[in-house]
PDB file of N, CA and C in Angstrom:
ATOM      1  N   UNK A   1     -74.777 -64.913  41.884  1.00  0.00           N
ATOM      2  CA  UNK A   1     -75.304 -63.725  41.088  1.00  0.00           C
ATOM      3  C   UNK A   1     -74.208 -63.748  39.698  1.00  0.00           C
ATOM      4  N   UNK A   2     -73.121 -63.705  40.150  1.00  0.00           N
ATOM      5  CA  UNK A   2     -72.341 -63.622  39.128  1.00  0.00           C
ATOM      6  C   UNK A   2     -72.232 -64.510  37.847  1.00  0.00           C
ATOM      7  N   UNK A   3     -72.894 -65.734  37.857  1.00  0.00           N
ATOM      8  CA  UNK A   3     -73.248 -66.309  36.870  1.00  0.00           C
ATOM      9  C   UNK A   3     -74.646 -65.515  36.131  1.00  0.00           C
ATOM     10  N   UNK A   4     -75.616 -64.990  36.570  1.00  0.00           N
ATOM     11  CA  UNK A   4     -77.056 -64.562  36.319  1.00  0.00           C
ATOM     12  C   UNK A   4     -76.092 -63.078  35.155  1.00  0.00           C
ATOM     13  N   UNK A   5     -75.374 -62.656  35.820  1.00  0.00           N
ATOM     14  CA  UNK A   5     -75.031 -60.892  35.313  1.00  0.00           C
ATOM     15  C   UNK A   5     -74.212 -61.567  33.904  1.00  0.00           C
ATOM     16  N   UNK A   6     -73.264 -62.668  34.201  1.00  0.00           N
ATOM     17  CA  UNK A   6     -72.555 -63.028  32.986  1.00  0.00           C
ATOM     18  C   UNK A   6     -73.761 -63.252  31.815  1.00  0.00           C
ATOM     19  N   UNK A   7     -74.448 -64.008  32.224  1.00  0.00           N
ATOM     20  CA  UNK A   7     -75.433 -64.954  31.066  1.00  0.00           C
ATOM     21  C   UNK A   7     -76.504 -63.696  30.417  1.00  0.00           C
ATOM     22  N   UNK A   8     -76.764 -62.509  31.269  1.00  0.00           N
ATOM     23  CA  UNK A   8     -77.466 -61.807  30.875  1.00  0.00           C
ATOM     24  C   UNK A   8     -76.346 -60.710  29.714  1.00  0.00           C
ATOM     25  N   UNK A   9     -75.313 -60.447  30.210  1.00  0.00           N
ATOM     26  CA  UNK A   9     -74.387 -59.724  29.471  1.00  0.00           C
ATOM     27  C   UNK A   9     -74.314 -60.306  28.040  1.00  0.00           C
ATOM     28  N   UNK A  10     -74.345 -61.712  28.019  1.00  0.00           N
ATOM     29  CA  UNK A  10     -74.054 -62.379  26.432  1.00  0.00           C
ATOM     30  C   UNK A  10     -75.431 -62.327  25.790  1.00  0.00           C
ATOM     31  N   UNK A  11     -76.329 -61.952  26.332  1.00  0.00           N
ATOM     32  CA  UNK A  11     -77.789 -61.887  25.485  1.00  0.00           C
ATOM     33  C   UNK A  11     -77.850 -60.638  24.871  1.00  0.00           C
ATOM     34  N   UNK A  12     -77.235 -59.766  24.658  1.00  0.00           N
ATOM     35  CA  UNK A  12     -77.032 -58.593  23.866  1.00  0.00           C
ATOM     36  C   UNK A  12     -78.003 -59.003  22.533  1.00  0.00           C
ATOM     37  N   UNK A  13     -78.573 -57.858  22.116  1.00  0.00           N
ATOM     38  CA  UNK A  13     -79.665 -58.058  20.905  1.00  0.00           C
ATOM     39  C   UNK A  13     -78.187 -57.958  19.495  1.00  0.00           C
ATOM     40  N   UNK A  14     -77.284 -57.311  20.096  1.00  0.00           N
ATOM     41  CA  UNK A  14     -76.230 -57.079  18.987  1.00  0.00           C
ATOM     42  C   UNK A  14     -74.880 -57.365  19.429  1.00  0.00           C
ATOM     43  N   UNK A  15     -74.097 -58.099  18.546  1.00  0.00           N
ATOM     44  CA  UNK A  15     -72.729 -58.178  19.037  1.00  0.00           C
ATOM     45  C   UNK A  15     -71.883 -57.008  19.186  1.00  0.00           C
ATOM     46  N   UNK A  16     -72.285 -56.257  18.731  1.00  0.00           N
ATOM     47  CA  UNK A  16     -71.669 -54.972  18.629  1.00  0.00           C
ATOM     48  C   UNK A  16     -71.967 -53.898  19.800  1.00  0.00           C
ATOM     49  N   UNK A  17     -73.130 -54.170  20.524  1.00  0.00           N
ATOM     50  CA  UNK A  17     -73.627 -53.181  21.183  1.00  0.00           C
ATOM     51  C   UNK A  17     -72.695 -53.282  22.691  1.00  0.00           C
ATOM     52  N   UNK A  18     -72.659 -52.542  23.424  1.00  0.00           N
ATOM     53  CA  UNK A  18     -72.101 -52.308  24.572  1.00  0.00           C
ATOM     54  C   UNK A  18     -73.182 -52.447  25.737  1.00  0.00           C
ATOM     55  N   UNK A  19     -73.164 -53.270  26.304  1.00  0.00           N
ATOM     56  CA  UNK A  19     -73.984 -53.366  27.762  1.00  0.00           C
ATOM     57  C   UNK A  19     -73.958 -52.544  28.926  1.00  0.00           C
ATOM     58  N   UNK A  20     -74.540 -51.751  29.367  1.00  0.00           N
ATOM     59  CA  UNK A  20     -74.192 -51.043  30.632  1.00  0.00           C
ATOM     60  C   UNK A  20     -74.744 -51.621  31.903  1.00  0.00           C
ATOM     61  N   UNK A  21     -73.894 -51.786  32.556  1.00  0.00           N
ATOM     62  CA  UNK A  21     -74.170 -52.860  33.859  1.00  0.00           C
ATOM     63  C   UNK A  21     -74.290 -51.821  35.010  1.00  0.00           C
ATOM     64  N   UNK A  22     -75.367 -52.039  35.682  1.00  0.00           N
ATOM     65  CA  UNK A  22     -75.241 -51.374  36.923  1.00  0.00           C
ATOM     66  C   UNK A  22     -75.592 -52.170  38.059  1.00  0.00           C
ATOM     67  N   UNK A  23     -74.714 -52.256  39.668  1.00  0.00           N
ATOM     68  CA  UNK A  23     -75.158 -53.060  40.582  1.00  0.00           C
ATOM     69  C   UNK A  23     -75.076 -52.120  41.904  1.00  0.00           C
ATOM     70  N   UNK A  24     -76.732 -52.078  42.466  1.00  0.00           N
ATOM     71  CA  UNK A  24     -76.823 -51.241  43.364  1.00  0.00           C
ATOM     72  C   UNK A  24     -77.164 -51.801  44.565  1.00  0.00           C
ATOM     73  N   UNK A  25     -76.787 -51.674  45.887  1.00  0.00           N
ATOM     74  CA  UNK A  25     -77.487 -52.036  47.261  1.00  0.00           C
ATOM     75  C   UNK A  25     -78.536 -51.116  47.569  1.00  0.00           C
ATOM     76  N   UNK A  26     -79.980 -51.066  47.395  1.00  0.00           N
ATOM     77  CA  UNK A  26     -80.580 -50.021  47.436  1.00  0.00           C
ATOM     78  C   UNK A  26     -80.840 -49.859  48.674  1.00  0.00           C
ATOM     79  N   UNK A  27     -80.657 -50.448  49.592  1.00  0.00           N
ATOM     80  CA  UNK A  27     -81.126 -50.628  51.044  1.00  0.00           C
ATOM     81  C   UNK A  27     -82.733 -50.776  51.130  1.00  0.00           C
ATOM     82  N   UNK A  28     -83.379 -51.279  51.277  1.00  0.00           N
ATOM     83  CA  UNK A  28     -84.547 -51.920  52.023  1.00  0.00           C
ATOM     84  C   UNK A  28     -85.482 -50.643  50.626  1.00  0.00           C
ATOM     85  N   UNK A  29     -85.202 -51.599  49.460  1.00  0.00           N
ATOM     86  CA  UNK A  29     -86.347 -51.090  48.682  1.00  0.00           C
ATOM     87  C   UNK A  29     -87.733 -51.444  48.657  1.00  0.00           C
ATOM     88  N   UNK A  30     -88.703 -50.644  49.176  1.00  0.00           N
ATOM     89  CA  UNK A  30     -89.959 -50.978  49.404  1.00  0.00           C
ATOM     90  C   UNK A  30     -90.831 -50.200  49.471  1.00  0.00           C
ATOM     91  N   UNK A  31     -91.725 -50.542  50.465  1.00  0.00           N
ATOM     92  CA  UNK A  31     -92.949 -49.055  51.035  1.00  0.00           C
ATOM     93  C   UNK A  31     -92.147 -48.190  51.642  1.00  0.00           C
ATOM     94  N   UNK A  32     -90.982 -48.330  52.151  1.00  0.00           N
ATOM     95  CA  UNK A  32     -90.312 -46.943  52.940  1.00  0.00           C
ATOM     96  C   UNK A  32     -89.613 -45.839  51.959  1.00  0.00           C
ATOM     97  N   UNK A  33     -89.636 -46.460  50.828  1.00  0.00           N
ATOM     98  CA  UNK A  33     -89.206 -45.334  49.878  1.00  0.00           C
ATOM     99  C   UNK A  33     -90.310 -44.256  49.271  1.00  0.00           C
ATOM    100  N   UNK A  34     -89.888 -43.150  49.567  1.00  0.00           N
ATOM    101  CA  UNK A  34     -90.703 -42.186  48.991  1.00  0.00           C
ATOM    102  C   UNK A  34     -90.549 -42.198  47.449  1.00  0.00           C
ATOM    103  N   UNK A  35     -91.864 -41.698  47.038  1.00  0.00           N
ATOM    104  CA  UNK A  35     -92.382 -41.061  45.500  1.00  0.00           C
ATOM    105  C   UNK A  35     -90.732 -40.286  44.892  1.00  0.00           C
ATOM    106  N   UNK A  36     -90.311 -39.211  45.938  1.00  0.00           N
ATOM    107  CA  UNK A  36     -88.806 -38.785  45.542  1.00  0.00           C
ATOM    108  C   UNK A  36     -87.716 -39.729  45.313  1.00  0.00           C
ATOM    109  N   UNK A  37     -87.884 -40.536  46.396  1.00  0.00           N
ATOM    110  CA  UNK A  37     -86.833 -41.766  46.616  1.00  0.00           C
ATOM    111  C   UNK A  37     -86.785 -42.429  45.053  1.00  0.00           C
ATOM    112  N   UNK A  38     -87.948 -42.776  44.485  1.00  0.00           N
ATOM    113  CA  UNK A  38     -88.093 -43.690  42.964  1.00  0.00           C
ATOM    114  C   UNK A  38     -87.577 -43.010  42.193  1.00  0.00           C
ATOM    115  N   UNK A  39     -87.882 -41.798  42.342  1.00  0.00           N
ATOM    116  CA  UNK A  39     -87.699 -41.030  41.137  1.00  0.00           C
ATOM    117  C   UNK A  39     -86.040 -40.732  41.021  1.00  0.00           C
ATOM    118  N   UNK A  40     -85.797 -40.483  42.424  1.00  0.00           N
ATOM    119  CA  UNK A  40     -83.915 -40.539  42.278  1.00  0.00           C
ATOM    120  C   UNK A  40     -83.451 -41.790  41.556  1.00  0.00           C
ATOM    121  N   UNK A  41     -83.744 -42.503  42.084  1.00  0.00           N
ATOM    122  CA  UNK A  41     -83.318 -43.878  41.444  1.00  0.00           C
ATOM    123  C   UNK A  41     -83.761 -44.273  40.175  1.00  0.00           C
ATOM    124  N   UNK A  42     -84.688 -43.776  39.327  1.00  0.00           N
ATOM    125  CA  UNK A  42     -85.198 -44.029  37.953  1.00  0.00           C
ATOM    126  C   UNK A  42     -84.148 -42.916  37.226  1.00  0.00           C
ATOM    127  N   UNK A  43     -83.706 -41.892  37.565  1.00  0.00           N
ATOM    128  CA  UNK A  43     -82.856 -40.723  37.123  1.00  0.00           C
ATOM    129  C   UNK A  43     -81.543 -41.304  36.842  1.00  0.00           C
ATOM    130  N   UNK A  44     -81.424 -41.970  37.912  1.00  0.00           N
ATOM    131  CA  UNK A  44     -79.818 -42.677  37.588  1.00  0.00           C
ATOM    132  C   UNK A  44     -79.760 -43.884  37.019  1.00  0.00           C
ATOM    133  N   UNK A  45     -80.688 -45.043  36.846  1.00  0.00           N
ATOM    134  CA  UNK A  45     -81.259 -46.115  36.476  1.00  0.00           C
ATOM    135  C   UNK A  45     -81.319 -45.815  35.012  1.00  0.00           C
ATOM    136  N   UNK A  46     -81.814 -45.342  34.339  1.00  0.00           N
ATOM    137  CA  UNK A  46     -82.434 -45.078  32.699  1.00  0.00           C
ATOM    138  C   UNK A  46     -81.162 -45.016  32.078  1.00  0.00           C
ATOM    139  N   UNK A  47     -79.858 -44.921  32.784  1.00  0.00           N
ATOM    140  CA  UNK A  47     -78.509 -44.839  31.622  1.00  0.00           C
ATOM    141  C   UNK A  47     -78.347 -45.918  31.429  1.00  0.00           C
ATOM    142  N   UNK A  48     -78.623 -46.837  32.080  1.00  0.00           N
ATOM    143  CA  UNK A  48     -77.911 -48.371  32.321  1.00  0.00           C
ATOM    144  C   UNK A  48     -79.092 -49.273  31.162  1.00  0.00           C
ATOM    145  N   UNK A  49     -78.408 -50.696  31.327  1.00  0.00           N
ATOM    146  CA  UNK A  49     -79.216 -51.592  30.611  1.00  0.00           C
ATOM    147  C   UNK A  49     -79.516 -52.720  31.119  1.00  0.00           C
ATOM    148  N   UNK A  50     -78.690 -53.232  32.063  1.00  0.00           N
ATOM    149  CA  UNK A  50     -78.892 -54.280  33.089  1.00  0.00           C
ATOM    150  C   UNK A  50     -78.547 -53.411  34.384  1.00  0.00           C
ATOM    151  N   UNK A  51     -79.486 -53.692  35.388  1.00  0.00           N
ATOM    152  CA  UNK A  51     -79.786 -53.216  36.567  1.00  0.00           C
ATOM    153  C   UNK A  51     -79.896 -54.284  37.614  1.00  0.00           C
ATOM    154  N   UNK A  52     -78.588 -54.480  38.731  1.00  0.00           N
ATOM    155  CA  UNK A  52     -78.827 -55.589  39.547  1.00  0.00           C
ATOM    156  C   UNK A  52     -79.024 -55.081  41.064  1.00  0.00           C
ATOM    157  N   UNK A  53     -80.059 -55.101  41.565  1.00  0.00           N
ATOM    158  CA  UNK A  53     -80.538 -54.485  42.769  1.00  0.00           C
ATOM    159  C   UNK A  53     -80.345 -55.678  43.909  1.00  0.00           C
ATOM    160  N   UNK A  54     -79.891 -55.248  45.089  1.00  0.00           N
ATOM    161  CA  UNK A  54     -79.807 -55.823  46.334  1.00  0.00           C
ATOM    162  C   UNK A  54     -80.338 -55.083  47.477  1.00  0.00           C
ATOM    163  N   UNK A  55     -81.126 -55.862  48.384  1.00  0.00           N
ATOM    164  CA  UNK A  55     -82.022 -55.264  49.115  1.00  0.00           C
ATOM    165  C   UNK A  55     -83.286 -55.118  49.231  1.00  0.00           C
ATOM    166  N   UNK A  56     -83.777 -55.560  48.286  1.00  0.00           N
ATOM    167  CA  UNK A  56     -85.083 -55.408  47.732  1.00  0.00           C
ATOM    168  C   UNK A  56     -86.075 -56.182  48.976  1.00  0.00           C
ATOM    169  N   UNK A  57     -86.706 -55.372  49.419  1.00  0.00           N
ATOM    170  CA  UNK A  57     -87.821 -56.042  50.724  1.00  0.00           C
ATOM    171  C   UNK A  57     -88.243 -57.576  50.515  1.00  0.00           C
ATOM    172  N   UNK A  58     -88.265 -58.464  51.183  1.00  0.00           N
ATOM    173  CA  UNK A  58     -88.632 -59.717  50.760  1.00  0.00           C
ATOM    174  C   UNK A  58     -90.771 -59.645  50.760  1.00  0.00           C
ATOM    175  N   UNK A  59     -91.288 -58.485  51.782  1.00  0.00           N
ATOM    176  CA  UNK A  59     -92.689 -58.674  51.727  1.00  0.00           C
ATOM    177  C   UNK A  59     -93.300 -58.124  50.567  1.00  0.00           C
ATOM    178  N   UNK A  60     -94.575 -57.737  50.268  1.00  0.00           N
ATOM    179  CA  UNK A  60     -94.791 -57.323  48.833  1.00  0.00           C
ATOM    180  C   UNK A  60     -94.693 -55.805  48.649  1.00  0.00           C
ATOM    181  N   UNK A  61     -93.988 -55.042  49.552  1.00  0.00           N
ATOM    182  CA  UNK A  61     -93.643 -53.627  49.419  1.00  0.00           C
ATOM    183  C   UNK A  61     -92.280 -53.678  48.768  1.00  0.00           C
ATOM    184  N   UNK A  62     -91.716 -54.804  48.527  1.00  0.00           N
ATOM    185  CA  UNK A  62     -90.274 -54.713  47.459  1.00  0.00           C
ATOM    186  C   UNK A  62     -90.930 -55.062  46.401  1.00  0.00           C
ATOM    187  N   UNK A  63     -91.627 -55.886  46.037  1.00  0.00           N
ATOM    188  CA  UNK A  63     -92.090 -55.997  44.597  1.00  0.00           C
ATOM    189  C   UNK A  63     -92.671 -55.139  43.999  1.00  0.00           C
ATOM    190  N   UNK A  64     -93.914 -54.494  44.821  1.00  0.00           N
ATOM    191  CA  UNK A  64     -94.429 -53.179  44.402  1.00  0.00           C
ATOM    192  C   UNK A  64     -93.419 -52.324  43.656  1.00  0.00           C
ATOM    193  N   UNK A  65     -92.412 -51.576  44.716  1.00  0.00           N
ATOM    194  CA  UNK A  65     -91.473 -50.849  44.601  1.00  0.00           C
ATOM    195  C   UNK A  65     -90.700 -50.980  43.056  1.00  0.00           C
ATOM    196  N   UNK A  66     -90.626 -52.271  43.076  1.00  0.00           N
ATOM    197  CA  UNK A  66     -89.687 -52.762  41.877  1.00  0.00           C
ATOM    198  C   UNK A  66     -90.824 -52.297  40.424  1.00  0.00           C
ATOM    199  N   UNK A  67     -91.857 -52.823  40.659  1.00  0.00           N
ATOM    200  CA  UNK A  67     -92.849 -52.700  39.586  1.00  0.00           C
ATOM    201  C   UNK A  67     -93.158 -50.920  39.242  1.00  0.00           C
ATOM    202  N   UNK A  68     -92.991 -50.583  40.396  1.00  0.00           N
ATOM    203  CA  UNK A  68     -92.971 -48.472  40.274  1.00  0.00           C
ATOM    204  C   UNK A  68     -91.920 -48.636  39.543  1.00  0.00           C
ATOM    205  N   UNK A  69     -90.745 -49.127  39.842  1.00  0.00           N
ATOM    206  CA  UNK A  69     -89.501 -48.413  39.039  1.00  0.00           C
ATOM    207  C   UNK A  69     -89.268 -49.120  37.829  1.00  0.00           C
ATOM    208  N   UNK A  70     -89.967 -50.020  37.862  1.00  0.00           N
ATOM    209  CA  UNK A  70     -89.661 -50.453  35.956  1.00  0.00           C
ATOM    210  C   UNK A  70     -91.192 -49.663  35.383  1.00  0.00           C
ATOM    211  N   UNK A  71     -91.856 -49.333  35.616  1.00  0.00           N
ATOM    212  CA  UNK A  71     -93.039 -48.246  35.142  1.00  0.00           C
ATOM    213  C   UNK A  71     -92.598 -46.968  35.026  1.00  0.00           C
ATOM    214  N   UNK A  72     -91.869 -46.653  35.953  1.00  0.00           N
ATOM    215  CA  UNK A  72     -91.088 -45.253  35.652  1.00  0.00           C
ATOM    216  C   UNK A  72     -89.920 -45.037  34.628  1.00  0.00           C
ATOM    217  N   UNK A  73     -89.249 -46.432  34.675  1.00  0.00           N
ATOM    218  CA  UNK A  73     -88.539 -46.163  33.562  1.00  0.00           C
ATOM    219  C   UNK A  73     -89.270 -46.420  32.304  1.00  0.00           C
ATOM    220  N   UNK A  74     -90.372 -47.253  32.094  1.00  0.00           N
ATOM    221  CA  UNK A  74     -90.779 -47.237  30.763  1.00  0.00           C
ATOM    222  C   UNK A  74     -91.354 -46.058  30.236  1.00  0.00           C
ATOM    223  N   UNK A  75     -91.543 -45.002  31.561  1.00  0.00           N
ATOM    224  CA  UNK A  75     -92.078 -43.656  30.795  1.00  0.00           C
ATOM    225  C   UNK A  75     -91.090 -42.861  30.019  1.00  0.00           C
ATOM    226  N   UNK A  76     -89.958 -43.256  30.409  1.00  0.00           N
ATOM    227  CA  UNK A  76     -88.447 -42.372  30.115  1.00  0.00           C
ATOM    228  C   UNK A  76     -88.241 -42.680  28.609  1.00  0.00           C
ATOM    229  N   UNK A  77     -88.851 -43.696  27.891  1.00  0.00           N
ATOM    230  CA  UNK A  77     -88.628 -43.937  26.332  1.00  0.00           C
ATOM    231  C   UNK A  77     -88.075 -45.308  25.848  1.00  0.00           C
ATOM    232  N   UNK A  78     -88.025 -46.269  26.834  1.00  0.00           N
ATOM    233  CA  UNK A  78     -87.369 -47.204  26.767  1.00  0.00           C
ATOM    234  C   UNK A  78     -88.048 -48.591  27.323  1.00  0.00           C
ATOM    235  N   UNK A  79     -88.552 -49.808  27.042  1.00  0.00           N
ATOM    236  CA  UNK A  79     -89.530 -50.865  27.416  1.00  0.00           C
ATOM    237  C   UNK A  79     -88.394 -51.415  28.528  1.00  0.00           C
ATOM    238  N   UNK A  80     -88.695 -51.654  29.653  1.00  0.00           N
ATOM    239  CA  UNK A  80     -88.054 -52.412  30.755  1.00  0.00           C
ATOM    240  C   UNK A  80     -88.719 -53.670  31.021  1.00  0.00           C
ATOM    241  N   UNK A  81     -88.185 -54.364  31.706  1.00  0.00           N
ATOM    242  CA  UNK A  81     -88.318 -55.872  32.151  1.00  0.00           C
ATOM    243  C   UNK A  81     -87.705 -55.855  33.574  1.00  0.00           C
ATOM    244  N   UNK A  82     -88.262 -56.649  34.270  1.00  0.00           N
ATOM    245  CA  UNK A  82     -87.736 -57.219  35.679  1.00  0.00           C
ATOM    246  C   UNK A  82     -87.943 -58.529  35.791  1.00  0.00           C
ATOM    247  N   UNK A  83     -86.595 -59.238  36.766  1.00  0.00           N
ATOM    248  CA  UNK A  83     -86.905 -60.277  37.386  1.00  0.00           C
ATOM    249  C   UNK A  83     -86.600 -60.007  38.847  1.00  0.00           C
ATOM    250  N   UNK A  84     -87.338 -60.844  39.960  1.00  0.00           N
ATOM    251  CA  UNK A  84     -87.249 -60.888  41.026  1.00  0.00           C
ATOM    252  C   UNK A  84     -86.990 -62.108  41.579  1.00  0.00           C
ATOM    253  N   UNK A  85     -85.922 -62.615  42.725  1.00  0.00           N
ATOM    254  CA  UNK A  85     -85.774 -63.742  43.355  1.00  0.00           C
ATOM    255  C   UNK A  85     -86.835 -63.927  44.534  1.00  0.00           C
ATOM    256  N   UNK A  86     -86.679 -65.211  44.941  1.00  0.00           N
ATOM    257  CA  UNK A  86     -87.577 -65.642  45.692  1.00  0.00           C
ATOM    258  C   UNK A  86     -87.053 -64.881  46.936  1.00  0.00           C
ATOM    259  N   UNK A  87     -87.721 -65.012  48.215  1.00  0.00           N
ATOM    260  CA  UNK A  87     -86.810 -64.646  49.509  1.00  0.00           C
ATOM    261  C   UNK A  87     -85.472 -65.328  50.172  1.00  0.00           C
ATOM    262  N   UNK A  88     -84.479 -64.805  50.338  1.00  0.00           N
ATOM    263  CA  UNK A  88     -83.401 -65.139  51.064  1.00  0.00           C
ATOM    264  C   UNK A  88     -83.795 -66.038  52.393  1.00  0.00           C
ATOM    265  N   UNK A  89     -82.713 -67.237  52.356  1.00  0.00           N
ATOM    266  CA  UNK A  89     -83.299 -67.978  53.950  1.00  0.00           C
ATOM    267  C   UNK A  89     -82.798 -67.533  55.252  1.00  0.00           C
ATOM    268  N   UNK A  90     -82.471 -66.205  55.191  1.00  0.00           N
ATOM    269  CA  UNK A  90     -82.245 -65.664  56.372  1.00  0.00           C
ATOM    270  C   UNK A  90     -83.156 -65.504  57.488  1.00  0.00           C
ATOM    271  N   UNK A  91     -83.025 -64.791  58.765  1.00  0.00           N
ATOM    272  CA  UNK A  91     -84.208 -64.319  59.643  1.00  0.00           C
ATOM    273  C   UNK A  91     -84.766 -63.389  59.137  1.00  0.00           C
ATOM    274  N   UNK A  92     -86.209 -63.156  59.767  1.00  0.00           N
ATOM    275  CA  UNK A  92     -86.881 -62.723  58.984  1.00  0.00           C
ATOM    276  C   UNK A  92     -86.620 -61.191  58.927  1.00  0.00           C
ATOM    277  N   UNK A  93     -85.593 -60.629  60.000  1.00  0.00           N
ATOM    278  CA  UNK A  93     -85.200 -59.250  59.790  1.00  0.00           C
ATOM    279  C   UNK A  93     -84.161 -59.184  58.672  1.00  0.00           C
ATOM    280  N   UNK A  94     -83.517 -59.929  58.098  1.00  0.00           N
ATOM    281  CA  UNK A  94     -82.477 -60.086  57.152  1.00  0.00           C
ATOM    282  C   UNK A  94     -83.183 -60.569  55.973  1.00  0.00           C
ATOM    283  N   UNK A  95     -84.208 -61.313  55.708  1.00  0.00           N
ATOM    284  CA  UNK A  95     -84.540 -61.749  54.846  1.00  0.00           C
ATOM    285  C   UNK A  95     -84.822 -60.615  53.556  1.00  0.00           C
ATOM    286  N   UNK A  96     -84.263 -60.922  52.286  1.00  0.00           N
ATOM    287  CA  UNK A  96     -84.430 -59.631  51.448  1.00  0.00           C
ATOM    288  C   UNK A  96     -84.395 -60.616  50.093  1.00  0.00           C
ATOM    289  N   UNK A  97     -84.701 -60.164  49.001  1.00  0.00           N
ATOM    290  CA  UNK A  97     -84.636 -60.136  47.344  1.00  0.00           C
ATOM    291  C   UNK A  97     -83.922 -59.857  46.746  1.00  0.00           C
ATOM    292  N   UNK A  98     -83.187 -60.413  45.401  1.00  0.00           N
ATOM    293  CA  UNK A  98     -82.563 -59.634  44.554  1.00  0.00           C
ATOM    294  C   UNK A  98     -83.283 -59.523  43.302  1.00  0.00           C
ATOM    295  N   UNK A  99     -83.024 -58.581  42.600  1.00  0.00           N
ATOM    296  CA  UNK A  99     -83.684 -58.180  41.263  1.00  0.00           C
ATOM    297  C   UNK A  99     -82.974 -57.654  40.057  1.00  0.00           C
ATOM    298  N   UNK A 100     -83.101 -58.057  39.129  1.00  0.00           N
ATOM    299  CA  UNK A 100     -82.461 -57.572  37.672  1.00  0.00           C
ATOM    300  C   UNK A 100     -83.497 -56.503  37.131  1.00  0.00           C
ATOM    301  N   UNK A 101     -83.448 -55.359  36.460  1.00  0.00           N
ATOM    302  CA  UNK A 101     -84.152 -54.543  35.800  1.00  0.00           C
ATOM    303  C   UNK A 101     -83.504 -54.992  34.341  1.00  0.00           C
ATOM    304  N   UNK A 102     -84.269 -54.761  33.053  1.00  0.00           N
ATOM    305  CA  UNK A 102     -83.351 -54.906  31.812  1.00  0.00           C
ATOM    306  C   UNK A 102     -84.163 -54.342  30.797  1.00  0.00           C
ATOM    307  N   UNK A 103     -83.340 -53.263  30.229  1.00  0.00           N
ATOM    308  CA  UNK A 103     -83.774 -52.648  29.046  1.00  0.00           C
ATOM    309  C   UNK A 103     -84.002 -53.435  27.996  1.00  0.00           C
ATOM    310  N   UNK A 104     -85.293 -53.849  27.479  1.00  0.00           N
ATOM    311  CA  UNK A 104     -85.687 -55.206  26.492  1.00  0.00           C
ATOM    312  C   UNK A 104     -84.613 -54.738  25.088  1.00  0.00           C
ATOM    313  N   UNK A 105     -84.656 -53.608  24.736  1.00  0.00           N
ATOM    314  CA  UNK A 105     -83.722 -53.442  23.120  1.00  0.00           C
ATOM    315  C   UNK A 105     -82.571 -54.036  23.386  1.00  0.00           C
ATOM    316  N   UNK A 106     -81.719 -54.070  24.612  1.00  0.00           N
ATOM    317  CA  UNK A 106     -80.187 -54.488  25.025  1.00  0.00           C
ATOM    318  C   UNK A 106     -80.159 -55.739  25.197  1.00  0.00           C
ATOM    319  N   UNK A 107     -81.021 -56.379  26.169  1.00  0.00           N
ATOM    320  CA  UNK A 107     -80.776 -57.667  26.701  1.00  0.00           C
ATOM    321  C   UNK A 107     -82.490 -58.646  26.377  1.00  0.00           C
ATOM    322  N   UNK A 108     -82.314 -59.790  26.546  1.00  0.00           N
ATOM    323  CA  UNK A 108     -83.523 -60.521  26.462  1.00  0.00           C
ATOM    324  C   UNK A 108     -83.526 -61.505  27.857  1.00  0.00           C
ATOM    325  N   UNK A 109     -84.789 -61.652  28.700  1.00  0.00           N
ATOM    326  CA  UNK A 109     -84.377 -62.702  29.392  1.00  0.00           C
ATOM    327  C   UNK A 109     -84.700 -63.841  28.854  1.00  0.00           C
ATOM    328  N   UNK A 110     -83.786 -65.087  29.512  1.00  0.00           N
ATOM    329  CA  UNK A 110     -84.073 -66.282  29.022  1.00  0.00           C
ATOM    330  C   UNK A 110     -84.361 -67.018  30.077  1.00  0.00           C
ATOM    331  N   UNK A 111     -85.182 -68.033  30.094  1.00  0.00           N
ATOM    332  CA  UNK A 111     -85.558 -68.607  31.354  1.00  0.00           C
ATOM    333  C   UNK A 111     -86.258 -67.964  32.918  1.00  0.00           C
ATOM    334  N   UNK A 112     -85.848 -68.837  33.893  1.00  0.00           N
ATOM    335  CA  UNK A 112     -86.685 -68.122  34.910  1.00  0.00           C
ATOM    336  C   UNK A 112     -85.605 -67.760  35.839  1.00  0.00           C
ATOM    337  N   UNK A 113     -85.532 -67.316  36.513  1.00  0.00           N
ATOM    338  CA  UNK A 113     -84.633 -66.430  37.809  1.00  0.00           C
ATOM    339  C   UNK A 113     -84.689 -67.415  38.608  1.00  0.00           C
ATOM    340  N   UNK A 114     -83.777 -67.735  39.809  1.00  0.00           N
ATOM    341  CA  UNK A 114     -83.625 -68.614  40.611  1.00  0.00           C
ATOM    342  C   UNK A 114     -82.959 -67.887  41.981  1.00  0.00           C
ATOM    343  N   UNK A 115     -82.875 -68.584  42.643  1.00  0.00           N
ATOM    344  CA  UNK A 115     -81.959 -67.850  44.153  1.00  0.00           C
ATOM    345  C   UNK A 115     -80.887 -69.235  44.453  1.00  0.00           C
ATOM    346  N   UNK A 116     -79.979 -69.340  44.588  1.00  0.00           N
ATOM    347  CA  UNK A 116     -79.046 -70.272  45.068  1.00  0.00           C
ATOM    348  C   UNK A 116     -79.341 -70.813  46.255  1.00  0.00           C
ATOM    349  N   UNK A 117     -79.896 -71.894  46.605  1.00  0.00           N
ATOM    350  CA  UNK A 117     -79.826 -72.429  48.049  1.00  0.00           C
ATOM    351  C   UNK A 117     -78.737 -72.496  48.909  1.00  0.00           C
ATOM    352  N   UNK A 118     -77.715 -72.322  48.823  1.00  0.00           N
ATOM    353  CA  UNK A 118     -76.757 -72.391  49.639  1.00  0.00           C
ATOM    354  C   UNK A 118     -76.403 -71.349  50.027  1.00  0.00           C
TER     355      UNK A 118
END
């Protein structure tokens, strides 16, 4: 994951801009998060340019919650994009995804996201 983060940091649209990065283990981001939980997340995430999230639920609830986060962030005045990994190769109980939220005025996504198989 460090390689992806470093790549994104160098993709700043301005050489003189500072990119604010946040990494957060959101603990089971998915359908179990309430609307107030998502609002809490949005109010913190909005101040950053790149957000790396761990423990996104591997089922459809995780991707849906991520999309809701991006939509809510878009309503805060900036355009956000996101990428989500394939599920990890752990047991069903521990399977998760990783995700990045990107403020598009600061960074641009190049290529596709992937999960290292090792």
